Amino acid sequence: MAGRDEIAAYANALLEIERWPEFAPQGLQVVGADEVELLLCGVSSSRDLFEHAADVGAQMVLVHHGLFWRNEPLVVDRRLRGRLEALFRADASLLAYHLALDAHAELGNAAQLAGRIGASADGPFGGVGVSCVLDGVTIEELTTRVSDAVAREPIVFPFGPTRIERLAISTGAAGYDLIRAAHEGFDALLTGEPEEPNYATAKELGIHLVAAGHYATERFGVQALGRHLASTFAIESRFHEVENPV
C-alpha cells in the first residue's frame, strides 16, 4: 500500500509534466482514497472503466485520456456527471497523462510500440513521437508486425520504398505528421488515425503510412507506466480493456 499523493508526485516527476503544457491537465484529476493498494489502468476515461474500478476495489485509476480538456465545454453534462459519480462511488483517484506519456523515451506509447514491432528508437520525431531504424523490411512485413502487436488490421497506404529502414512513429491522431516524416527522409509513418489528405500525400511524396487505430496504438504506454508504478510502490497494477474501434 502506498500514498496517493506520493504516487502522483512521483509520476509527475518521472514524466516531466512541466515540459508538456497542453489542453489537458496532467496528473491528479480526481481525488479519492488516501492510500492505494490496487491501480487500475485504461486508455481512456469512461463510465465503463470507472465502474469496473469500483467492482474490483481499485483505489486509483490511471489513464492516458483524462476527464478534463480545455477545448471542451466547461459544463458537467450527463456524460461527465456519470463518470464522476462512478469514481466517487469507488472512492478512486484519477491520474491522467497525455502528451507526457506519449513522449516518454522508455514508457511512452511510441517507444513501447517500437519495441513490439522490432524497431530500434534512435531519437525523437515530431512533437511526441520517435525516430526508428528497421532492418529493411517490406511494407507487408511491417504491416504483419504491427497487426500482431495491436491485434487489429491497420489501414495501409503502401507508396514508399521497397525496403523500410527509417520509420517514424507517432501514436494516436498523428496523421498530420506524414508530410514532416516524408520531408525528413523517413520511409514510413506508423500512427493511429489517418487524415483524409494522407492517401494523396503518401502517394505523391513516396512514403508508406500505416494507421493501426488511435486506441490500439496507445494501450502500451499506460500499461508500462502502471507496471513501473506497481514495482516502485509495491502495489498491484491491472489493465482493463474497454474496446474502441477508433
Protein backbone atom coordinates (compact mmCIF):
# COMPACT_ATOMS: atom_id res chain seq x y z
CA MET A 1 0.00 0.00 0.00
CA ALA A 2 1.24 3.50 -0.87
CA GLY A 3 0.08 7.07 -0.50
CA ARG A 4 -2.00 8.63 -3.27
CA ASP A 5 -0.08 11.91 -3.27
CA GLU A 6 3.29 10.14 -3.21
CA ILE A 7 2.38 8.12 -6.30
CA ALA A 8 1.08 11.19 -8.14
CA ALA A 9 4.16 13.29 -7.29
CA TYR A 10 6.48 10.51 -8.42
CA ALA A 11 4.65 10.02 -11.73
CA ASN A 12 4.61 13.78 -12.36
CA ALA A 13 8.37 13.97 -11.91
CA LEU A 14 9.06 10.79 -13.88
CA LEU A 15 7.12 12.07 -16.90
CA GLU A 16 8.36 15.67 -16.52
CA ILE A 17 4.87 17.05 -16.97
CA GLU A 18 6.08 20.66 -16.80
CA ARG A 19 7.68 20.10 -20.21
CA TRP A 20 4.31 19.38 -21.80
CA PRO A 21 1.86 22.27 -21.30
CA GLU A 22 -1.28 21.43 -23.24
CA PHE A 23 -5.08 21.48 -23.32
CA ALA A 24 -5.42 18.62 -20.83
CA PRO A 25 -4.33 18.95 -17.18
CA GLN A 26 -1.84 16.20 -16.36
CA GLY A 27 -1.54 14.36 -13.09
CA LEU A 28 -4.15 14.03 -10.35
CA GLN A 29 -7.55 14.98 -11.78
CA VAL A 30 -9.90 13.48 -9.19
CA VAL A 31 -9.01 12.99 -5.51
CA GLY A 32 -10.04 9.70 -3.94
CA ALA A 33 -8.72 7.38 -1.23
CA ASP A 34 -5.56 8.42 0.65
CA GLU A 35 -3.94 5.01 0.28
CA VAL A 36 -3.58 2.85 -2.85
CA GLU A 37 -3.34 -0.91 -2.97
CA LEU A 38 -4.75 -1.56 -6.46
CA LEU A 39 -4.07 0.64 -9.50
CA LEU A 40 -6.40 0.10 -12.46
CA CYS A 41 -5.10 1.24 -15.85
CA GLY A 42 -7.05 2.07 -19.00
CA VAL A 43 -6.53 4.08 -22.17
CA SER A 44 -9.44 6.50 -21.90
CA SER A 45 -11.80 7.82 -19.26
CA SER A 46 -15.23 6.23 -19.45
CA ARG A 47 -18.02 5.26 -17.09
CA ASP A 48 -17.39 1.61 -18.00
CA LEU A 49 -13.77 1.87 -16.84
CA PHE A 50 -14.67 3.67 -13.62
CA GLU A 51 -17.48 1.26 -12.79
CA HIS A 52 -15.04 -1.60 -13.25
CA ALA A 53 -12.68 0.15 -10.84
CA ALA A 54 -15.45 0.09 -8.25
CA ASP A 55 -16.19 -3.58 -8.98
CA VAL A 56 -12.58 -4.67 -8.38
CA GLY A 57 -11.93 -2.30 -5.49
CA ALA A 58 -9.26 -0.12 -7.11
CA GLN A 59 -8.27 2.98 -5.15
CA MET A 60 -6.66 4.68 -8.14
CA VAL A 61 -7.29 4.73 -11.90
CA LEU A 62 -4.54 5.65 -14.38
CA VAL A 63 -5.48 6.74 -17.91
CA HIS A 64 -3.91 8.31 -20.98
CA HIS A 65 -7.00 10.32 -21.91
CA GLY A 66 -8.32 12.07 -18.82
CA LEU A 67 -11.64 13.66 -17.89
CA PHE A 68 -10.93 17.33 -18.47
CA TRP A 69 -9.98 19.03 -21.72
CA ARG A 70 -9.67 22.76 -22.18
CA ASN A 71 -11.07 22.56 -25.70
CA GLU A 72 -14.38 21.10 -24.45
CA PRO A 73 -17.35 23.00 -22.95
CA LEU A 74 -16.90 23.77 -19.26
CA VAL A 75 -20.09 22.06 -18.17
CA VAL A 76 -20.77 18.93 -16.15
CA ASP A 77 -23.14 17.19 -18.56
CA ARG A 78 -24.70 13.73 -18.21
CA ARG A 79 -21.54 12.10 -19.57
CA LEU A 80 -19.15 13.81 -17.15
CA ARG A 81 -21.55 13.54 -14.21
CA GLY A 82 -21.90 9.79 -14.74
CA ARG A 83 -18.13 9.33 -14.84
CA LEU A 84 -17.57 11.40 -11.72
CA GLU A 85 -20.35 9.60 -9.85
CA ALA A 86 -18.72 6.26 -10.67
CA LEU A 87 -15.35 7.48 -9.39
CA PHE A 88 -16.90 8.91 -6.23
CA ARG A 89 -18.74 5.66 -5.51
CA ALA A 90 -15.45 3.82 -5.85
CA ASP A 91 -13.58 6.45 -3.78
CA ALA A 92 -10.94 6.15 -6.51
CA SER A 93 -8.47 8.82 -7.54
CA LEU A 94 -7.84 9.54 -11.21
CA LEU A 95 -4.36 10.06 -12.67
CA ALA A 96 -4.14 11.17 -16.32
CA TYR A 97 -1.10 11.71 -18.53
CA HIS A 98 -1.49 12.68 -22.18
CA LEU A 99 1.42 14.18 -24.15
CA ALA A 100 3.91 13.48 -21.37
CA LEU A 101 3.12 9.78 -21.62
CA ASP A 102 3.17 9.82 -25.42
CA ALA A 103 6.66 11.29 -25.38
CA HIS A 104 8.48 9.37 -22.65
CA ALA A 105 11.60 7.74 -24.09
CA GLU A 106 11.03 4.39 -22.35
CA LEU A 107 7.46 4.18 -21.05
CA GLY A 108 5.83 6.26 -23.79
CA ASN A 109 3.32 4.99 -26.32
CA ALA A 110 5.63 5.42 -29.31
CA ALA A 111 8.63 3.84 -27.58
CA GLN A 112 6.59 0.90 -26.35
CA LEU A 113 5.08 0.31 -29.79
CA ALA A 114 8.52 0.48 -31.41
CA GLY A 115 9.77 -2.29 -29.15
CA ARG A 116 6.84 -4.52 -30.00
CA ILE A 117 7.49 -4.34 -33.75
CA GLY A 118 11.25 -4.83 -33.56
CA ALA A 119 12.18 -1.23 -34.35
CA SER A 120 15.14 0.47 -32.64
CA ALA A 121 14.43 4.02 -31.49
CA ASP A 122 17.28 6.40 -32.22
CA GLY A 123 15.80 9.77 -31.33
CA PRO A 124 12.66 11.89 -31.18
CA PHE A 125 10.29 12.55 -34.05
CA GLY A 126 7.91 15.49 -34.27
CA GLY A 127 6.34 16.64 -31.04
CA VAL A 128 5.95 13.38 -29.12
CA GLY A 129 6.99 10.56 -31.47
CA VAL A 130 10.16 8.56 -32.02
CA SER A 131 12.52 8.04 -34.93
CA CYS A 132 13.33 4.38 -35.52
CA VAL A 133 15.61 2.12 -37.51
CA LEU A 134 14.28 -1.08 -39.10
CA ASP A 135 16.10 -3.94 -40.77
CA GLY A 136 14.97 -3.24 -44.33
CA VAL A 137 11.55 -4.88 -44.06
CA THR A 138 8.89 -4.72 -46.75
CA ILE A 139 5.62 -2.92 -46.16
CA GLU A 140 3.93 -6.32 -45.97
CA GLU A 141 6.31 -7.44 -43.23
CA LEU A 142 5.85 -4.20 -41.31
CA THR A 143 2.07 -4.50 -41.59
CA THR A 144 2.20 -8.02 -40.16
CA ARG A 145 4.37 -6.90 -37.25
CA VAL A 146 2.01 -4.02 -36.46
CA SER A 147 -1.07 -6.22 -36.76
CA ASP A 148 0.43 -8.78 -34.39
CA ALA A 149 1.35 -6.05 -31.89
CA VAL A 150 -2.00 -4.26 -31.74
CA ALA A 151 -4.29 -7.21 -32.58
CA ARG A 152 -6.09 -5.50 -35.43
CA GLU A 153 -5.59 -4.91 -39.13
CA PRO A 154 -4.16 -1.45 -39.87
CA ILE A 155 -5.04 0.87 -42.72
CA VAL A 156 -2.06 0.93 -45.09
CA PHE A 157 -1.14 3.37 -47.86
CA PRO A 158 1.78 1.49 -49.49
CA PHE A 159 3.54 4.16 -51.52
CA GLY A 160 7.03 4.16 -50.04
CA PRO A 161 10.24 2.37 -50.96
CA THR A 162 10.54 -1.39 -51.33
CA ARG A 163 12.60 -1.72 -48.14
CA ILE A 164 11.84 0.24 -44.99
CA GLU A 165 14.86 1.27 -42.95
CA ARG A 166 13.73 4.55 -41.36
CA LEU A 167 10.38 4.56 -39.56
CA ALA A 168 8.67 7.44 -37.75
CA ILE A 169 6.19 6.50 -35.02
CA SER A 170 3.68 8.94 -33.56
CA THR A 171 0.67 7.24 -31.99
CA GLY A 172 -2.92 8.44 -31.70
CA ALA A 173 -4.23 11.02 -34.16
CA ALA A 174 -0.91 11.95 -35.80
CA GLY A 175 -1.70 11.58 -39.48
CA TYR A 176 -0.78 15.26 -39.73
CA ASP A 177 2.87 14.21 -39.24
CA LEU A 178 3.02 12.42 -42.60
CA ILE A 179 4.40 15.41 -44.52
CA ARG A 180 7.03 16.01 -41.84
CA ALA A 181 8.05 12.34 -41.98
CA ALA A 182 8.43 12.44 -45.76
CA HIS A 183 10.41 15.70 -45.70
CA GLU A 184 12.74 14.30 -43.03
CA GLY A 185 13.55 11.24 -45.14
CA PHE A 186 11.56 8.53 -43.41
CA ASP A 187 10.35 5.57 -45.43
CA ALA A 188 7.13 5.16 -43.44
CA LEU A 189 4.99 6.67 -40.71
CA LEU A 190 3.22 4.49 -38.16
CA THR A 191 0.37 6.21 -36.37
CA GLY A 192 -3.13 5.61 -35.06
CA GLU A 193 -5.60 7.67 -37.09
CA PRO A 194 -5.07 8.71 -40.71
CA GLU A 195 -6.33 12.01 -42.12
CA GLU A 196 -8.26 12.30 -45.38
CA PRO A 197 -5.36 14.03 -47.23
CA ASN A 198 -2.91 11.28 -46.21
CA TYR A 199 -3.67 8.99 -49.14
CA ALA A 200 -2.73 11.52 -51.81
CA THR A 201 0.18 12.83 -49.71
CA ALA A 202 1.66 9.35 -49.29
CA LYS A 203 1.33 8.65 -53.00
CA GLU A 204 2.81 11.97 -54.10
CA LEU A 205 5.67 12.07 -51.59
CA GLY A 206 6.54 8.37 -51.90
CA ILE A 207 6.10 7.32 -48.29
CA HIS A 208 4.19 4.50 -46.58
CA LEU A 209 1.52 5.23 -43.98
CA VAL A 210 0.36 2.58 -41.51
CA ALA A 211 -2.57 3.62 -39.32
CA ALA A 212 -3.37 1.00 -36.67
CA GLY A 213 -6.01 2.76 -34.59
CA HIS A 214 -5.88 5.59 -32.05
CA TYR A 215 -6.92 3.38 -29.13
CA ALA A 216 -4.90 0.36 -30.25
CA THR A 217 -1.62 2.25 -30.59
CA GLU A 218 -2.00 3.95 -27.22
CA ARG A 219 -2.60 0.93 -24.99
CA PHE A 220 1.02 0.21 -24.21
CA GLY A 221 2.20 3.38 -22.51
CA VAL A 222 -0.33 3.30 -19.70
CA GLN A 223 0.38 -0.40 -19.18
CA ALA A 224 4.12 0.27 -18.94
CA LEU A 225 3.62 3.17 -16.54
CA GLY A 226 1.26 1.06 -14.43
CA ARG A 227 3.83 -1.72 -14.18
CA HIS A 228 6.54 0.77 -13.27
CA LEU A 229 4.44 2.35 -10.51
CA ALA A 230 3.47 -1.08 -9.20
CA SER A 231 7.12 -2.11 -8.96
CA THR A 232 8.20 1.19 -7.40
CA PHE A 233 5.49 1.32 -4.73
CA ALA A 234 4.82 -2.40 -4.15
CA ILE A 235 1.19 -2.15 -5.23
CA GLU A 236 -0.86 -4.14 -7.73
CA SER A 237 -1.50 -2.86 -11.25
CA ARG A 238 -4.09 -4.21 -13.68
CA PHE A 239 -5.03 -3.12 -17.20
CA HIS A 240 -8.71 -3.10 -18.16
CA GLU A 241 -9.62 -3.30 -21.83
CA VAL A 242 -12.54 -1.11 -22.92
CA GLU A 243 -12.58 -1.89 -26.62
CA ASN A 244 -12.72 1.03 -29.02
CA PRO A 245 -12.68 0.57 -32.83
CA VAL A 246 -11.28 4.06 -33.48
